[in-house]
Amino acid sequence: MDILGIDIGGSGIKGAIVDVATGEVKTERYRLETPEGAIPADVAETVDRVVKNFKYSGPVGIGFPAVVIHGVCHSAANIDESWVGTNVDALVGKVTGLPVHTVNDADAAGVAEMRFGAGRGIERGVVIMLTIGTGIGSAVFTDGRLVPNTELGHLEIRGKDAERRASDAARKRKKLSWEEWANRFQEYLETVEKLFSPDLIILGGGASKEADSFLPYLSTRAKIIPAQLLNQAGIIGAAIYAKDQG
């Protein structure tokens, strides 16, 4: 079964057709710039352009950078405040004319990694996927089941949101070496371990492409490994989520 997965990010809105039975991305990824201000109406129109590019008709899965409960946005850490209270499923569904299923973006990436990537076959224990990019996203799984909307990037470290200190954006902003940044991220990982005692930590997001540059500086009780699906994970996971809701 082929489903369109879309990943809405701060800089780009990306989509591709995914075979949800195998996790294979069947088309070239199509990307449009996220509209300036990223207000709901403009984002919905951009998503519609992505849908039309594929001449697609069917359910659409969307990974969205916020807490999403039953299709409704409940937070706005990295998006416009006007999204709070917006029913993303209904808004984008009305614009596209298609059934839409929206999930937190890190949860989408985690679902993909657990189904077809680094977490494949792990059905017992606690697995935490952390996406390292503009912020820090998280997806928590217990015995293979997703605990949605954990948002562990907003844990408080030294009086600040963890992602303000330890995201890839923070590394670039502070011009930190990988080793310097890893020291900050290590502190964050120790907090996560203390709270959740995971068996496995999967590191994804944009920074995971450079895993060899920082993994040697990280030490956790849990096994820690890089994600396998890289920048396709959000799209694949969004498509899987839409299929699972159907």
C-alpha atoms as a PDB file:
ATOM      1  CA  MET A   1       0.000   0.000   0.000  1.00  0.00           C
ATOM      2  CA  ASP A   2       1.398   3.401  -1.024  1.00  0.00           C
ATOM      3  CA  ILE A   3       0.690   6.464   1.133  1.00  0.00           C
ATOM      4  CA  LEU A   4       1.906  10.058   0.896  1.00  0.00           C
ATOM      5  CA  GLY A   5       3.985  11.077   3.903  1.00  0.00           C
ATOM      6  CA  ILE A   6       4.738  14.746   4.564  1.00  0.00           C
ATOM      7  CA  ASP A   7       7.247  16.206   7.015  1.00  0.00           C
ATOM      8  CA  ILE A   8       6.572  19.834   8.026  1.00  0.00           C
ATOM      9  CA  GLY A   9       9.702  21.554   9.278  1.00  0.00           C
ATOM     10  CA  GLY A  10      10.801  25.053  10.137  1.00  0.00           C
ATOM     11  CA  SER A  11      12.572  25.585   6.820  1.00  0.00           C
ATOM     12  CA  GLY A  12      10.992  23.062   4.460  1.00  0.00           C
ATOM     13  CA  ILE A  13       7.881  20.998   3.795  1.00  0.00           C
ATOM     14  CA  LYS A  14       8.885  17.664   2.273  1.00  0.00           C
ATOM     15  CA  GLY A  15       6.865  14.778   0.916  1.00  0.00           C
ATOM     16  CA  ALA A  16       7.199  11.425  -0.830  1.00  0.00           C
ATOM     17  CA  ILE A  17       5.113   8.351  -1.598  1.00  0.00           C
ATOM     18  CA  VAL A  18       5.951   5.467   0.752  1.00  0.00           C
ATOM     19  CA  ASP A  19       5.254   1.744   0.467  1.00  0.00           C
ATOM     20  CA  VAL A  20       4.092   1.312   4.062  1.00  0.00           C
ATOM     21  CA  ALA A  21       4.476  -2.469   3.907  1.00  0.00           C
ATOM     22  CA  THR A  22       8.242  -2.239   3.300  1.00  0.00           C
ATOM     23  CA  GLY A  23       9.167   1.324   4.310  1.00  0.00           C
ATOM     24  CA  GLU A  24      10.518   1.952   0.803  1.00  0.00           C
ATOM     25  CA  VAL A  25      10.297   5.529  -0.455  1.00  0.00           C
ATOM     26  CA  LYS A  26       8.851   5.086  -3.954  1.00  0.00           C
ATOM     27  CA  THR A  27       9.375   8.588  -5.364  1.00  0.00           C
ATOM     28  CA  GLU A  28      11.876  11.409  -5.280  1.00  0.00           C
ATOM     29  CA  ARG A  29      11.388  13.575  -2.223  1.00  0.00           C
ATOM     30  CA  TYR A  30       9.620  16.834  -3.157  1.00  0.00           C
ATOM     31  CA  ARG A  31      10.434  19.891  -1.050  1.00  0.00           C
ATOM     32  CA  LEU A  32       8.988  23.391  -0.842  1.00  0.00           C
ATOM     33  CA  GLU A  33      10.149  26.204   1.404  1.00  0.00           C
ATOM     34  CA  THR A  34       8.077  26.631   4.560  1.00  0.00           C
ATOM     35  CA  PRO A  35       6.197  29.909   4.003  1.00  0.00           C
ATOM     36  CA  GLU A  36       7.399  32.985   5.863  1.00  0.00           C
ATOM     37  CA  GLY A  37       5.674  33.188   9.263  1.00  0.00           C
ATOM     38  CA  ALA A  38       4.329  29.637   8.822  1.00  0.00           C
ATOM     39  CA  ILE A  39       0.743  30.572   9.697  1.00  0.00           C
ATOM     40  CA  PRO A  40      -1.830  27.774   9.362  1.00  0.00           C
ATOM     41  CA  ALA A  41      -3.510  28.867   6.114  1.00  0.00           C
ATOM     42  CA  ASP A  42      -0.192  29.321   4.279  1.00  0.00           C
ATOM     43  CA  VAL A  43       1.231  26.013   5.489  1.00  0.00           C
ATOM     44  CA  ALA A  44      -1.955  24.170   4.505  1.00  0.00           C
ATOM     45  CA  GLU A  45      -1.754  25.697   1.009  1.00  0.00           C
ATOM     46  CA  THR A  46       1.885  24.614   0.706  1.00  0.00           C
ATOM     47  CA  VAL A  47       0.984  21.079   1.767  1.00  0.00           C
ATOM     48  CA  ASP A  48      -1.698  21.080  -0.938  1.00  0.00           C
ATOM     49  CA  ARG A  49       0.974  21.973  -3.509  1.00  0.00           C
ATOM     50  CA  VAL A  50       3.038  19.003  -2.344  1.00  0.00           C
ATOM     51  CA  VAL A  51      -0.008  16.728  -2.693  1.00  0.00           C
ATOM     52  CA  LYS A  52      -0.745  18.050  -6.193  1.00  0.00           C
ATOM     53  CA  ASN A  53       2.878  17.479  -7.246  1.00  0.00           C
ATOM     54  CA  PHE A  54       2.317  13.745  -6.789  1.00  0.00           C
ATOM     55  CA  LYS A  55      -1.165  13.803  -8.373  1.00  0.00           C
ATOM     56  CA  TYR A  56      -2.070  11.864  -5.255  1.00  0.00           C
ATOM     57  CA  SER A  57      -5.452  10.786  -3.955  1.00  0.00           C
ATOM     58  CA  GLY A  58      -5.692   8.900  -0.666  1.00  0.00           C
ATOM     59  CA  PRO A  59      -4.857   9.307   3.019  1.00  0.00           C
ATOM     60  CA  VAL A  60      -2.057  11.736   3.895  1.00  0.00           C
ATOM     61  CA  GLY A  61       0.228  11.387   6.906  1.00  0.00           C
ATOM     62  CA  ILE A  62       1.819  14.528   8.331  1.00  0.00           C
ATOM     63  CA  GLY A  63       4.673  14.863  10.796  1.00  0.00           C
ATOM     64  CA  PHE A  64       4.234  18.170  12.619  1.00  0.00           C
ATOM     65  CA  PRO A  65       6.623  20.017  15.005  1.00  0.00           C
ATOM     66  CA  ALA A  66       4.296  20.282  18.005  1.00  0.00           C
ATOM     67  CA  VAL A  67       2.277  18.307  20.518  1.00  0.00           C
ATOM     68  CA  VAL A  68      -0.584  16.827  18.471  1.00  0.00           C
ATOM     69  CA  ILE A  69      -3.524  15.188  20.253  1.00  0.00           C
ATOM     70  CA  HIS A  70      -6.247  13.659  18.073  1.00  0.00           C
ATOM     71  CA  GLY A  71      -5.181  15.889  15.187  1.00  0.00           C
ATOM     72  CA  VAL A  72      -5.222  19.124  17.222  1.00  0.00           C
ATOM     73  CA  CYS A  73      -2.065  21.184  17.819  1.00  0.00           C
ATOM     74  CA  HIS A  74      -1.425  21.920  21.510  1.00  0.00           C
ATOM     75  CA  SER A  75       1.992  23.618  21.558  1.00  0.00           C
ATOM     76  CA  ALA A  76       4.060  26.131  19.609  1.00  0.00           C
ATOM     77  CA  ALA A  77       7.689  25.983  20.702  1.00  0.00           C
ATOM     78  CA  ASN A  78       9.070  26.301  17.157  1.00  0.00           C
ATOM     79  CA  ILE A  79       5.987  27.349  15.150  1.00  0.00           C
ATOM     80  CA  ASP A  80       3.572  30.315  15.083  1.00  0.00           C
ATOM     81  CA  GLU A  81       1.356  30.674  18.172  1.00  0.00           C
ATOM     82  CA  SER A  82      -1.738  30.738  15.956  1.00  0.00           C
ATOM     83  CA  TRP A  83      -1.394  26.971  15.512  1.00  0.00           C
ATOM     84  CA  VAL A  84      -2.351  26.296  19.133  1.00  0.00           C
ATOM     85  CA  GLY A  85      -5.900  24.925  19.153  1.00  0.00           C
ATOM     86  CA  THR A  86      -5.897  24.380  15.370  1.00  0.00           C
ATOM     87  CA  ASN A  87      -7.225  21.046  14.161  1.00  0.00           C
ATOM     88  CA  VAL A  88      -4.458  20.253  11.690  1.00  0.00           C
ATOM     89  CA  ASP A  89      -6.273  17.216  10.308  1.00  0.00           C
ATOM     90  CA  ALA A  90      -9.401  19.246   9.578  1.00  0.00           C
ATOM     91  CA  LEU A  91      -7.601  22.311   8.173  1.00  0.00           C
ATOM     92  CA  VAL A  92      -5.307  20.449   5.797  1.00  0.00           C
ATOM     93  CA  GLY A  93      -8.055  17.968   4.985  1.00  0.00           C
ATOM     94  CA  LYS A  94     -10.351  20.786   3.906  1.00  0.00           C
ATOM     95  CA  VAL A  95      -7.684  22.371   1.684  1.00  0.00           C
ATOM     96  CA  THR A  96      -6.536  19.108   0.075  1.00  0.00           C
ATOM     97  CA  GLY A  97      -9.878  17.327   0.038  1.00  0.00           C
ATOM     98  CA  LEU A  98      -8.158  14.223   1.442  1.00  0.00           C
ATOM     99  CA  PRO A  99      -8.214  12.386   4.797  1.00  0.00           C
ATOM    100  CA  VAL A 100      -5.302  13.712   6.876  1.00  0.00           C
ATOM    101  CA  HIS A 101      -3.647  12.146   9.936  1.00  0.00           C
ATOM    102  CA  THR A 102      -1.169  14.323  11.855  1.00  0.00           C
ATOM    103  CA  VAL A 103       1.416  13.167  14.383  1.00  0.00           C
ATOM    104  CA  ASN A 104       4.273  14.847  16.254  1.00  0.00           C
ATOM    105  CA  ASP A 105       7.280  14.940  13.910  1.00  0.00           C
ATOM    106  CA  ALA A 106       9.721  13.186  16.253  1.00  0.00           C
ATOM    107  CA  ASP A 107       7.096  10.523  16.966  1.00  0.00           C
ATOM    108  CA  ALA A 108       6.798  10.003  13.195  1.00  0.00           C
ATOM    109  CA  ALA A 109      10.568   9.552  12.863  1.00  0.00           C
ATOM    110  CA  GLY A 110      10.552   7.168  15.820  1.00  0.00           C
ATOM    111  CA  VAL A 111       7.743   5.061  14.361  1.00  0.00           C
ATOM    112  CA  ALA A 112       9.753   4.711  11.135  1.00  0.00           C
ATOM    113  CA  GLU A 113      12.962   3.710  12.943  1.00  0.00           C
ATOM    114  CA  MET A 114      11.130   1.180  15.105  1.00  0.00           C
ATOM    115  CA  ARG A 115       9.326  -0.359  12.123  1.00  0.00           C
ATOM    116  CA  PHE A 116      12.066  -0.316   9.479  1.00  0.00           C
ATOM    117  CA  GLY A 117      15.254   1.180  10.939  1.00  0.00           C
ATOM    118  CA  ALA A 118      17.549   1.046  13.951  1.00  0.00           C
ATOM    119  CA  GLY A 119      14.835  -0.204  16.324  1.00  0.00           C
ATOM    120  CA  ARG A 120      13.427  -2.884  14.037  1.00  0.00           C
ATOM    121  CA  GLY A 121      12.562  -6.097  15.873  1.00  0.00           C
ATOM    122  CA  ILE A 122      12.860  -4.611  19.367  1.00  0.00           C
ATOM    123  CA  GLU A 123       9.610  -5.481  21.112  1.00  0.00           C
ATOM    124  CA  ARG A 124      10.635  -5.392  24.783  1.00  0.00           C
ATOM    125  CA  GLY A 125      11.946  -2.653  27.040  1.00  0.00           C
ATOM    126  CA  VAL A 126      12.171   1.120  26.664  1.00  0.00           C
ATOM    127  CA  VAL A 127      13.562   2.712  23.503  1.00  0.00           C
ATOM    128  CA  ILE A 128      14.048   6.455  23.162  1.00  0.00           C
ATOM    129  CA  MET A 129      14.667   8.132  19.834  1.00  0.00           C
ATOM    130  CA  LEU A 130      16.079  11.668  19.974  1.00  0.00           C
ATOM    131  CA  THR A 131      16.086  13.856  16.875  1.00  0.00           C
ATOM    132  CA  ILE A 132      18.840  16.454  16.878  1.00  0.00           C
ATOM    133  CA  GLY A 133      18.267  19.452  14.635  1.00  0.00           C
ATOM    134  CA  THR A 134      16.779  22.918  15.066  1.00  0.00           C
ATOM    135  CA  GLY A 135      15.477  21.587  18.367  1.00  0.00           C
ATOM    136  CA  ILE A 136      15.566  18.222  20.105  1.00  0.00           C
ATOM    137  CA  GLY A 137      12.617  15.954  19.437  1.00  0.00           C
ATOM    138  CA  SER A 138      11.847  12.718  21.215  1.00  0.00           C
ATOM    139  CA  ALA A 139       9.887   9.535  20.693  1.00  0.00           C
ATOM    140  CA  VAL A 140       9.518   7.043  23.546  1.00  0.00           C
ATOM    141  CA  PHE A 141       8.524   3.409  23.045  1.00  0.00           C
ATOM    142  CA  THR A 142       7.736   0.842  25.717  1.00  0.00           C
ATOM    143  CA  ASP A 143       7.537  -2.764  24.531  1.00  0.00           C
ATOM    144  CA  GLY A 144       7.301  -1.425  20.984  1.00  0.00           C
ATOM    145  CA  ARG A 145       4.362   0.910  21.654  1.00  0.00           C
ATOM    146  CA  LEU A 146       4.671   4.670  21.213  1.00  0.00           C
ATOM    147  CA  VAL A 147       4.106   6.976  24.200  1.00  0.00           C
ATOM    148  CA  PRO A 148       3.178  10.086  22.177  1.00  0.00           C
ATOM    149  CA  ASN A 149       4.151  13.741  22.568  1.00  0.00           C
ATOM    150  CA  THR A 150       6.926  13.343  25.126  1.00  0.00           C
ATOM    151  CA  GLU A 151       8.760  16.525  23.977  1.00  0.00           C
ATOM    152  CA  LEU A 152      11.904  15.747  25.968  1.00  0.00           C
ATOM    153  CA  GLY A 153      13.745  18.572  24.229  1.00  0.00           C
ATOM    154  CA  HIS A 154      11.987  20.864  26.707  1.00  0.00           C
ATOM    155  CA  LEU A 155      13.435  19.260  29.810  1.00  0.00           C
ATOM    156  CA  GLU A 156      15.101  21.947  31.916  1.00  0.00           C
ATOM    157  CA  ILE A 157      18.903  21.827  32.004  1.00  0.00           C
ATOM    158  CA  ARG A 158      20.701  24.566  33.944  1.00  0.00           C
ATOM    159  CA  GLY A 159      17.552  26.676  33.928  1.00  0.00           C
ATOM    160  CA  LYS A 160      17.031  26.484  30.161  1.00  0.00           C
ATOM    161  CA  ASP A 161      15.165  24.319  27.679  1.00  0.00           C
ATOM    162  CA  ALA A 162      17.544  21.479  26.862  1.00  0.00           C
ATOM    163  CA  GLU A 163      17.292  22.217  23.163  1.00  0.00           C
ATOM    164  CA  ARG A 164      18.494  25.789  23.754  1.00  0.00           C
ATOM    165  CA  ARG A 165      21.777  24.316  25.036  1.00  0.00           C
ATOM    166  CA  ALA A 166      22.178  21.026  23.230  1.00  0.00           C
ATOM    167  CA  SER A 167      20.453  21.082  19.816  1.00  0.00           C
ATOM    168  CA  ASP A 168      22.400  21.176  16.560  1.00  0.00           C
ATOM    169  CA  ALA A 169      21.193  24.754  16.134  1.00  0.00           C
ATOM    170  CA  ALA A 170      22.806  25.604  19.494  1.00  0.00           C
ATOM    171  CA  ARG A 171      26.057  23.983  18.331  1.00  0.00           C
ATOM    172  CA  LYS A 172      26.090  26.138  15.213  1.00  0.00           C
ATOM    173  CA  ARG A 173      25.001  29.285  17.047  1.00  0.00           C
ATOM    174  CA  LYS A 174      27.754  28.926  19.653  1.00  0.00           C
ATOM    175  CA  LYS A 175      30.301  27.727  17.035  1.00  0.00           C
ATOM    176  CA  LEU A 176      31.076  24.675  19.197  1.00  0.00           C
ATOM    177  CA  SER A 177      33.324  21.835  18.100  1.00  0.00           C
ATOM    178  CA  TRP A 178      31.694  18.402  18.017  1.00  0.00           C
ATOM    179  CA  GLU A 179      33.500  17.521  21.240  1.00  0.00           C
ATOM    180  CA  GLU A 180      32.363  20.717  22.985  1.00  0.00           C
ATOM    181  CA  TRP A 181      28.805  20.152  21.848  1.00  0.00           C
ATOM    182  CA  ALA A 182      28.931  16.490  22.886  1.00  0.00           C
ATOM    183  CA  ASN A 183      29.781  17.553  26.446  1.00  0.00           C
ATOM    184  CA  ARG A 184      26.515  19.515  26.539  1.00  0.00           C
ATOM    185  CA  PHE A 185      24.559  16.696  24.943  1.00  0.00           C
ATOM    186  CA  GLN A 186      26.052  14.205  27.409  1.00  0.00           C
ATOM    187  CA  GLU A 187      24.586  16.231  30.274  1.00  0.00           C
ATOM    188  CA  TYR A 188      21.203  16.086  28.563  1.00  0.00           C
ATOM    189  CA  LEU A 189      21.478  12.313  27.986  1.00  0.00           C
ATOM    190  CA  GLU A 190      22.269  11.765  31.667  1.00  0.00           C
ATOM    191  CA  THR A 191      19.052  13.584  32.593  1.00  0.00           C
ATOM    192  CA  VAL A 192      17.022  11.481  30.138  1.00  0.00           C
ATOM    193  CA  GLU A 193      18.577   8.268  31.472  1.00  0.00           C
ATOM    194  CA  LYS A 194      17.853   9.243  35.064  1.00  0.00           C
ATOM    195  CA  LEU A 195      14.175   9.800  34.242  1.00  0.00           C
ATOM    196  CA  PHE A 196      13.458   6.882  31.885  1.00  0.00           C
ATOM    197  CA  SER A 197      16.188   4.209  32.265  1.00  0.00           C
ATOM    198  CA  PRO A 198      15.994   3.254  28.578  1.00  0.00           C
ATOM    199  CA  ASP A 199      17.461   0.066  27.122  1.00  0.00           C
ATOM    200  CA  LEU A 200      18.315   1.738  23.809  1.00  0.00           C
ATOM    201  CA  ILE A 201      18.805   5.326  22.639  1.00  0.00           C
ATOM    202  CA  ILE A 202      18.580   6.058  18.908  1.00  0.00           C
ATOM    203  CA  LEU A 203      19.996   9.381  17.702  1.00  0.00           C
ATOM    204  CA  GLY A 204      18.362  10.804  14.584  1.00  0.00           C
ATOM    205  CA  GLY A 205      17.630  14.158  12.988  1.00  0.00           C
ATOM    206  CA  GLY A 206      19.937  16.220  10.812  1.00  0.00           C
ATOM    207  CA  ALA A 207      22.962  15.840  13.092  1.00  0.00           C
ATOM    208  CA  SER A 208      22.827  12.036  12.871  1.00  0.00           C
ATOM    209  CA  LYS A 209      24.587  12.246   9.492  1.00  0.00           C
ATOM    210  CA  GLU A 210      27.653  13.303  11.515  1.00  0.00           C
ATOM    211  CA  ALA A 211      27.291  10.610  14.181  1.00  0.00           C
ATOM    212  CA  ASP A 212      30.898   9.501  13.816  1.00  0.00           C
ATOM    213  CA  SER A 213      31.979  13.025  14.828  1.00  0.00           C
ATOM    214  CA  PHE A 214      30.288  12.962  18.241  1.00  0.00           C
ATOM    215  CA  LEU A 215      29.267   9.420  19.259  1.00  0.00           C
ATOM    216  CA  PRO A 216      32.791   8.625  20.566  1.00  0.00           C
ATOM    217  CA  TYR A 217      32.360  11.427  23.143  1.00  0.00           C
ATOM    218  CA  LEU A 218      29.030  10.120  24.490  1.00  0.00           C
ATOM    219  CA  SER A 219      28.673   7.516  27.226  1.00  0.00           C
ATOM    220  CA  THR A 220      25.388   6.022  28.443  1.00  0.00           C
ATOM    221  CA  ARG A 221      24.334   2.922  30.343  1.00  0.00           C
ATOM    222  CA  ALA A 222      21.868   2.249  27.551  1.00  0.00           C
ATOM    223  CA  LYS A 223      23.146   1.171  24.170  1.00  0.00           C
ATOM    224  CA  ILE A 224      23.345   4.255  21.946  1.00  0.00           C
ATOM    225  CA  ILE A 225      23.237   4.011  18.137  1.00  0.00           C
ATOM    226  CA  PRO A 226      22.625   6.320  15.154  1.00  0.00           C
ATOM    227  CA  ALA A 227      19.324   6.231  13.286  1.00  0.00           C
ATOM    228  CA  GLN A 228      19.325   4.443   9.936  1.00  0.00           C
ATOM    229  CA  LEU A 229      16.667   6.264   7.920  1.00  0.00           C
ATOM    230  CA  LEU A 230      18.178   9.754   8.288  1.00  0.00           C
ATOM    231  CA  ASN A 231      16.133  12.514   6.598  1.00  0.00           C
ATOM    232  CA  GLN A 232      13.578  10.042   5.230  1.00  0.00           C
ATOM    233  CA  ALA A 233      12.402   8.953   8.693  1.00  0.00           C
ATOM    234  CA  GLY A 234       9.796  11.676   9.211  1.00  0.00           C
ATOM    235  CA  ILE A 235       8.184  11.067   5.832  1.00  0.00           C
ATOM    236  CA  ILE A 236       8.170   7.273   6.238  1.00  0.00           C
ATOM    237  CA  GLY A 237       6.794   7.488   9.781  1.00  0.00           C
ATOM    238  CA  ALA A 238       4.050   9.938   8.816  1.00  0.00           C
ATOM    239  CA  ALA A 239       2.897   7.564   6.072  1.00  0.00           C
ATOM    240  CA  ILE A 240       2.944   4.590   8.477  1.00  0.00           C
ATOM    241  CA  TYR A 241       0.937   6.611  11.017  1.00  0.00           C
ATOM    242  CA  ALA A 242      -1.721   7.427   8.410  1.00  0.00           C
ATOM    243  CA  LYS A 243      -1.984   3.753   7.494  1.00  0.00           C
ATOM    244  CA  ASP A 244      -2.258   2.705  11.151  1.00  0.00           C
ATOM    245  CA  GLN A 245      -5.068   5.243  11.727  1.00  0.00           C
ATOM    246  CA  GLY A 246      -6.994   3.987   8.713  1.00  0.00           C
END
